[in-house]
Amino acid sequence: MRAVTLVTGASAGIGTALAHVFAAHGHELVLIARREDRLAALAEAIASKGHPRPTFLPVDLERADAAERIAGMLVMLGLEPEIVVNNAGFGLVGAAASLDHAEQLSMIDLNVRALTELSLYWTDTLARRSGGILNVASVAGFLPGPGMAVYYATKAYVLSFSEALHRELKPRGVRVTALCPGPVPSEFQARAGVRKESYPAVLVQPAERVAEAGYQGLKAGRRVVVPGLGNKLVTVLTRLIPRGAILAATERRNMRRNR
């Protein structure tokens, strides 16, 4: 079986950047997302740079059988994961009670359930290969998030789960890293329903820089990676500022994004 790196949510944004970074560092890739045309174009772009042409699997990760389907396809192709990169996810802006409930449950399915299943599905294989798991969380995972309550909660789960898994799998030689970016210009904002977006420049990081930071952090065996000095400062301030003040500030911020 040939070792590969799985990258979910590879069709846009941070996922595309992660695919390019891992390919540039010599990894053979399996790209996973729903949009087959985007995956095909990404595979072509990576191959055009002289890297091995990635395999791509158009799979809807919100399906309950997604991990089994991916595993079956990999076996048929003679591939097995050495690294799993869980990047797929989305957010929604607005008050939780007002947003579509089914869509919010789908967010939990993708951001939490699918990530958890893919993180745990191949642990024996990852241990045998001394591999790793890179889970894309967010600076939002350090904060309560009125105005994006479910999204913030899913990222808090990803951060907590990844930190615990880092501890549990380290004795088996498996590295687990939570990548926690701040604002990144991407399709995320449009999918989330953001109508107005502006952040201090010190917080905004390009997807390519976030992806490289995530790769280097995983390689070094770091538990948590927060790209950018401004975003690191935000995570520190969350421990110093009263929770009520953080709730109020976050709510104002998120509700402005929905205007």
Protein backbone atom coordinates (compact mmCIF):
# COMPACT_ATOMS: atom_id res chain seq x y z
CA MET A 1 0.00 0.00 0.00
CA ARG A 2 1.30 3.44 -0.95
CA ALA A 3 1.31 6.18 1.68
CA VAL A 4 -0.73 9.30 0.96
CA THR A 5 -1.89 12.50 2.64
CA LEU A 6 -5.66 13.04 2.71
CA VAL A 7 -6.85 16.65 2.44
CA THR A 8 -10.56 17.34 2.95
CA GLY A 9 -12.24 20.54 1.83
CA ALA A 10 -9.51 20.84 -0.79
CA SER A 11 -11.60 22.63 -3.41
CA ALA A 12 -11.09 26.19 -2.10
CA GLY A 13 -9.41 28.51 0.40
CA ILE A 14 -7.19 27.04 3.09
CA GLY A 15 -7.81 23.52 1.79
CA THR A 16 -6.40 24.36 -1.64
CA ALA A 17 -3.43 26.10 -0.02
CA LEU A 18 -2.79 23.09 2.23
CA ALA A 19 -2.82 20.80 -0.81
CA HIS A 20 -0.21 22.94 -2.56
CA VAL A 21 1.99 23.12 0.55
CA PHE A 22 1.94 19.38 1.25
CA ALA A 23 2.59 18.63 -2.44
CA ALA A 24 5.52 21.06 -2.46
CA HIS A 25 7.00 19.17 0.49
CA GLY A 26 6.86 15.88 -1.41
CA HIS A 27 3.57 14.36 -0.25
CA GLU A 28 1.39 12.34 -2.59
CA LEU A 29 -2.16 13.59 -2.08
CA VAL A 30 -5.72 12.38 -2.06
CA LEU A 31 -8.01 15.41 -2.41
CA ILE A 32 -11.54 15.20 -1.01
CA ALA A 33 -14.47 17.59 -1.50
CA ARG A 34 -17.88 17.64 -3.19
CA ARG A 35 -16.96 19.71 -6.27
CA GLU A 36 -15.29 17.32 -8.72
CA ASP A 37 -14.44 20.04 -11.25
CA ARG A 38 -12.55 22.03 -8.62
CA LEU A 39 -10.66 18.94 -7.47
CA ALA A 40 -9.70 18.07 -11.06
CA ALA A 41 -8.40 21.60 -11.65
CA LEU A 42 -6.40 21.50 -8.41
CA ALA A 43 -4.89 18.12 -9.26
CA GLU A 44 -3.87 19.49 -12.67
CA ALA A 45 -2.33 22.62 -11.10
CA ILE A 46 -0.29 20.53 -8.66
CA ALA A 47 0.87 18.11 -11.37
CA SER A 48 1.86 21.04 -13.61
CA LYS A 49 4.43 22.03 -10.97
CA GLY A 50 6.18 18.67 -11.32
CA HIS A 51 4.62 17.06 -8.24
CA PRO A 52 2.88 13.67 -8.29
CA ARG A 53 -0.62 14.04 -9.70
CA PRO A 54 -3.07 13.82 -6.77
CA THR A 55 -5.91 11.38 -6.66
CA PHE A 56 -9.22 13.12 -6.08
CA LEU A 57 -12.42 11.71 -4.62
CA PRO A 58 -15.66 13.71 -4.89
CA VAL A 59 -17.32 12.76 -1.60
CA ASP A 60 -19.95 14.55 0.48
CA LEU A 61 -18.54 14.37 4.01
CA GLU A 62 -21.93 15.15 5.54
CA ARG A 63 -23.03 11.63 4.59
CA ALA A 64 -22.92 9.17 7.49
CA ASP A 65 -21.01 6.62 5.38
CA ALA A 66 -18.40 9.06 4.03
CA ALA A 67 -15.41 7.60 5.91
CA GLU A 68 -16.29 4.06 4.87
CA ARG A 69 -16.67 5.15 1.24
CA ILE A 70 -13.28 6.89 1.31
CA ALA A 71 -11.62 3.91 2.97
CA GLY A 72 -13.06 1.54 0.37
CA MET A 73 -11.85 3.69 -2.51
CA LEU A 74 -8.36 3.91 -1.02
CA VAL A 75 -8.12 0.14 -0.65
CA MET A 76 -9.14 -0.32 -4.30
CA LEU A 77 -6.42 2.17 -5.33
CA GLY A 78 -3.77 0.51 -3.15
CA LEU A 79 -3.41 3.61 -0.95
CA GLU A 80 -3.41 4.20 2.80
CA PRO A 81 -3.19 7.42 4.81
CA GLU A 82 0.00 8.57 6.43
CA ILE A 83 -1.40 12.02 7.24
CA VAL A 84 -5.03 13.13 7.53
CA VAL A 85 -5.77 16.83 7.04
CA ASN A 86 -9.30 17.71 8.20
CA ASN A 87 -10.05 21.10 6.69
CA ALA A 88 -13.65 20.72 5.45
CA GLY A 89 -16.12 22.93 7.27
CA PHE A 90 -18.38 25.97 7.03
CA GLY A 91 -19.98 28.64 9.19
CA LEU A 92 -23.23 30.62 9.29
CA VAL A 93 -23.72 34.18 10.51
CA GLY A 94 -26.83 35.09 12.49
CA ALA A 95 -28.66 34.31 15.72
CA ALA A 96 -28.84 30.54 16.25
CA ALA A 97 -32.60 30.58 16.91
CA SER A 98 -33.20 32.43 13.63
CA LEU A 99 -30.95 30.42 11.31
CA ASP A 100 -32.17 27.30 9.55
CA HIS A 101 -31.95 24.47 12.10
CA ALA A 102 -31.26 21.74 9.54
CA GLU A 103 -28.41 23.73 8.04
CA GLN A 104 -26.88 24.23 11.47
CA LEU A 105 -27.11 20.50 12.16
CA SER A 106 -25.39 19.91 8.82
CA MET A 107 -22.64 22.23 10.02
CA ILE A 108 -22.20 20.05 13.10
CA ASP A 109 -22.14 16.95 10.91
CA LEU A 110 -19.32 18.36 8.79
CA ASN A 111 -17.31 20.41 11.29
CA VAL A 112 -17.54 17.91 14.16
CA ARG A 113 -18.81 14.43 13.28
CA ALA A 114 -16.94 13.98 9.99
CA LEU A 115 -13.73 15.44 11.41
CA THR A 116 -13.94 13.14 14.42
CA GLU A 117 -14.57 10.04 12.34
CA LEU A 118 -11.75 10.78 9.89
CA SER A 119 -9.38 11.56 12.77
CA LEU A 120 -10.04 8.17 14.37
CA TYR A 121 -10.64 5.92 11.36
CA TRP A 122 -7.00 5.17 10.51
CA THR A 123 -5.22 5.54 13.87
CA ASP A 124 -3.57 2.11 13.63
CA THR A 125 -2.29 2.91 10.14
CA LEU A 126 -1.07 6.36 11.22
CA ALA A 127 0.74 4.81 14.20
CA ARG A 128 2.41 2.19 12.00
CA ARG A 129 3.59 4.91 9.63
CA SER A 130 4.47 7.46 12.37
CA GLY A 131 2.06 9.81 10.66
CA GLY A 132 -0.13 12.65 11.79
CA ILE A 133 -3.44 14.49 11.86
CA LEU A 134 -3.86 18.20 11.11
CA ASN A 135 -7.27 19.51 12.15
CA VAL A 136 -8.25 23.00 11.04
CA ALA A 137 -9.96 24.76 13.94
CA SER A 138 -10.03 28.56 14.30
CA VAL A 139 -9.24 31.42 16.65
CA ALA A 140 -13.04 31.30 17.09
CA GLY A 141 -12.48 28.10 19.08
CA PHE A 142 -11.05 30.19 21.92
CA LEU A 143 -14.16 32.40 22.13
CA PRO A 144 -17.89 32.23 22.79
CA GLY A 145 -19.62 33.31 19.60
CA PRO A 146 -23.04 34.94 19.78
CA GLY A 147 -24.00 35.73 16.21
CA MET A 148 -22.22 32.57 15.03
CA ALA A 149 -22.95 30.39 18.05
CA VAL A 150 -22.92 26.96 16.44
CA TYR A 151 -19.87 27.64 14.29
CA TYR A 152 -17.82 28.90 17.24
CA ALA A 153 -18.93 25.90 19.28
CA THR A 154 -17.85 23.47 16.55
CA LYS A 155 -14.41 25.05 16.43
CA ALA A 156 -14.13 24.91 20.23
CA TYR A 157 -14.82 21.19 19.89
CA VAL A 158 -12.17 20.78 17.20
CA LEU A 159 -9.60 22.56 19.36
CA SER A 160 -10.43 20.59 22.53
CA PHE A 161 -10.65 17.24 20.71
CA SER A 162 -7.38 17.80 18.85
CA GLU A 163 -5.49 18.79 21.98
CA ALA A 164 -6.73 15.68 23.79
CA LEU A 165 -5.94 13.46 20.81
CA HIS A 166 -2.46 15.00 20.64
CA ARG A 167 -1.89 13.73 24.17
CA GLU A 168 -3.46 10.31 23.63
CA LEU A 169 -1.71 9.43 20.36
CA LYS A 170 1.71 10.91 21.10
CA PRO A 171 2.95 7.70 22.80
CA ARG A 172 2.04 5.82 19.61
CA GLY A 173 4.14 8.16 17.47
CA VAL A 174 1.19 9.99 15.87
CA ARG A 175 1.40 13.79 15.75
CA VAL A 176 -1.87 15.72 16.14
CA THR A 177 -1.99 19.48 15.55
CA ALA A 178 -4.87 21.95 15.73
CA LEU A 179 -4.43 24.78 13.23
CA CYS A 180 -6.27 27.90 14.46
CA PRO A 181 -6.26 30.66 11.85
CA GLY A 182 -7.85 34.05 12.24
CA PRO A 183 -9.51 35.83 9.29
CA VAL A 184 -8.49 34.43 5.90
CA PRO A 185 -9.82 35.85 2.60
CA SER A 186 -11.67 32.92 1.01
CA GLU A 187 -15.08 31.60 -0.04
CA PHE A 188 -15.88 30.99 3.64
CA GLN A 189 -17.40 34.45 4.05
CA ALA A 190 -19.84 34.03 1.15
CA ARG A 191 -20.92 30.57 2.36
CA ALA A 192 -21.42 31.92 5.88
CA GLY A 193 -23.68 34.72 4.66
CA VAL A 194 -21.26 37.50 5.59
CA ARG A 195 -22.40 40.75 4.00
CA LYS A 196 -19.88 43.12 5.49
CA GLU A 197 -16.35 42.13 6.42
CA SER A 198 -13.43 44.16 7.70
CA TYR A 199 -10.69 43.16 10.08
CA PRO A 200 -7.56 44.93 11.28
CA ALA A 201 -4.79 44.07 8.84
CA VAL A 202 -2.72 42.61 11.68
CA LEU A 203 -5.27 39.77 12.04
CA VAL A 204 -5.70 38.84 8.38
CA GLN A 205 -3.45 36.09 7.03
CA PRO A 206 -3.37 34.76 3.45
CA ALA A 207 -4.35 31.11 3.04
CA GLU A 208 -0.85 30.22 1.80
CA ARG A 209 0.80 31.51 4.97
CA VAL A 210 -1.74 29.72 7.17
CA ALA A 211 -1.17 26.47 5.29
CA GLU A 212 2.62 26.67 5.60
CA ALA A 213 2.32 27.40 9.33
CA GLY A 214 0.06 24.38 9.72
CA TYR A 215 2.45 22.12 7.83
CA GLN A 216 5.47 23.23 9.82
CA GLY A 217 3.56 22.92 13.08
CA LEU A 218 2.51 19.36 12.29
CA LYS A 219 6.02 18.45 11.22
CA ALA A 220 7.37 19.81 14.52
CA GLY A 221 4.72 17.95 16.53
CA ARG A 222 3.14 21.11 17.93
CA ARG A 223 -0.19 20.76 19.70
CA VAL A 224 -1.70 24.09 18.56
CA VAL A 225 -0.67 26.52 15.80
CA VAL A 226 -2.08 30.07 15.67
CA PRO A 227 -0.69 31.87 12.58
CA GLY A 228 0.09 35.57 12.99
CA LEU A 229 1.17 37.63 15.99
CA GLY A 230 -2.14 39.50 16.14
CA ASN A 231 -4.13 36.28 16.35
CA LYS A 232 -1.81 34.88 19.01
CA LEU A 233 -2.51 38.02 21.02
CA VAL A 234 -6.26 37.47 20.67
CA THR A 235 -5.96 33.98 22.17
CA VAL A 236 -4.00 35.39 25.12
CA LEU A 237 -6.50 38.19 25.73
CA THR A 238 -9.35 35.68 25.93
CA ARG A 239 -7.80 34.48 29.22
CA LEU A 240 -7.44 37.97 30.64
CA ILE A 241 -10.63 39.81 29.61
CA PRO A 242 -13.88 39.04 31.52
CA ARG A 243 -16.07 36.54 29.67
CA GLY A 244 -19.05 38.88 29.64
CA ALA A 245 -17.05 41.56 27.85
CA ILE A 246 -15.88 39.04 25.26
CA LEU A 247 -19.45 37.88 24.66
CA ALA A 248 -20.66 41.44 24.10
CA ALA A 249 -17.79 42.35 21.76
CA THR A 250 -18.12 39.16 19.73
CA GLU A 251 -21.87 39.64 19.36
CA ARG A 252 -21.43 43.20 18.10
CA ARG A 253 -18.81 42.05 15.64
CA ASN A 254 -20.78 39.14 14.24
CA MET A 255 -24.06 41.03 13.95
CA ARG A 256 -22.31 43.79 11.98
CA ARG A 257 -21.12 41.15 9.52
CA ASN A 258 -24.75 40.22 8.80
CA ARG A 259 -25.90 43.74 7.84
